Amino acid sequence: MTKSEIVETGAGDARITWHAGTEPWAVLALGHGAGGGIEARDLRELAAALPAQGVTVALVEQPWRVAGKKVAPAPKTLDVGWRGIWPALAAPGLPVVAGGRSAGARVACRTGAELGAHAVLALSFPLHPPGRPEKSRADELLGTGLPTLVVQGGNDPFGRPAEFPEGTYTMAEVPHGDHGFAVAKRAPLGQDEALALVVREVSGWLTSLRE
């Protein structure tokens, strides 16, 4: 079952699209990146696959996206929007895993502990701007204070898995994947296989949190 709701935040109206889990035991909240919305291929795949495993997936559209704007605001404003939707995410009374892709992953990392998240899922964490490894955002990832899974494309120009510093987080690599987990046609891993790998890694990690 899918339903959407508008939630007022200090940054404007956000939208949550709920994909209800079967006998749910957790909520996985997923924010989008700065260059796209909840139609991202990995977010769609997770929302389609996880409800059958008892995980309610909440796809969160930030206020700037709901308002039809083309450019994402500053990180501080993104955090305001995320904080504003948290009461709605927690309303079912289940553990909430804070997550997102790219800019959404950064928001989840920055705010997870203060909001009482159960864990953090970072899809395509933008470790640095492309070609600018000196502009590292590793402190956001290393500072979550929560169980954290990073799912990263092997060819992500925002940070390949080998570039990430050591930490207490778990790293899962999608071989040959770019920042959106797209793989070239010549890659030995097909697109469907790459997305299935994302789902498998996230599903296994979520199951470990329950045990």
Foldseek 3Di string as FASTA:
>chain_A
DWDKDWFQFPLGIKMKIKLAADQAQEEEEEAEAFQDACVQPLNVLLSVPCSPVRYMYIGMGFRCVVVPHRGDDDLVSSLRRVLRCLVVRCVVVHAYEQEYEASSQLSCLQCVVVSPHQEYEYELHQQAPQPCNVRGPLCSVQRSPHAYEYEHECAESSDHPVSHDDHPYHYHYQYQAYSSGQHDPPDPAHSVNSSVSSNVVVVVVVVVSVD
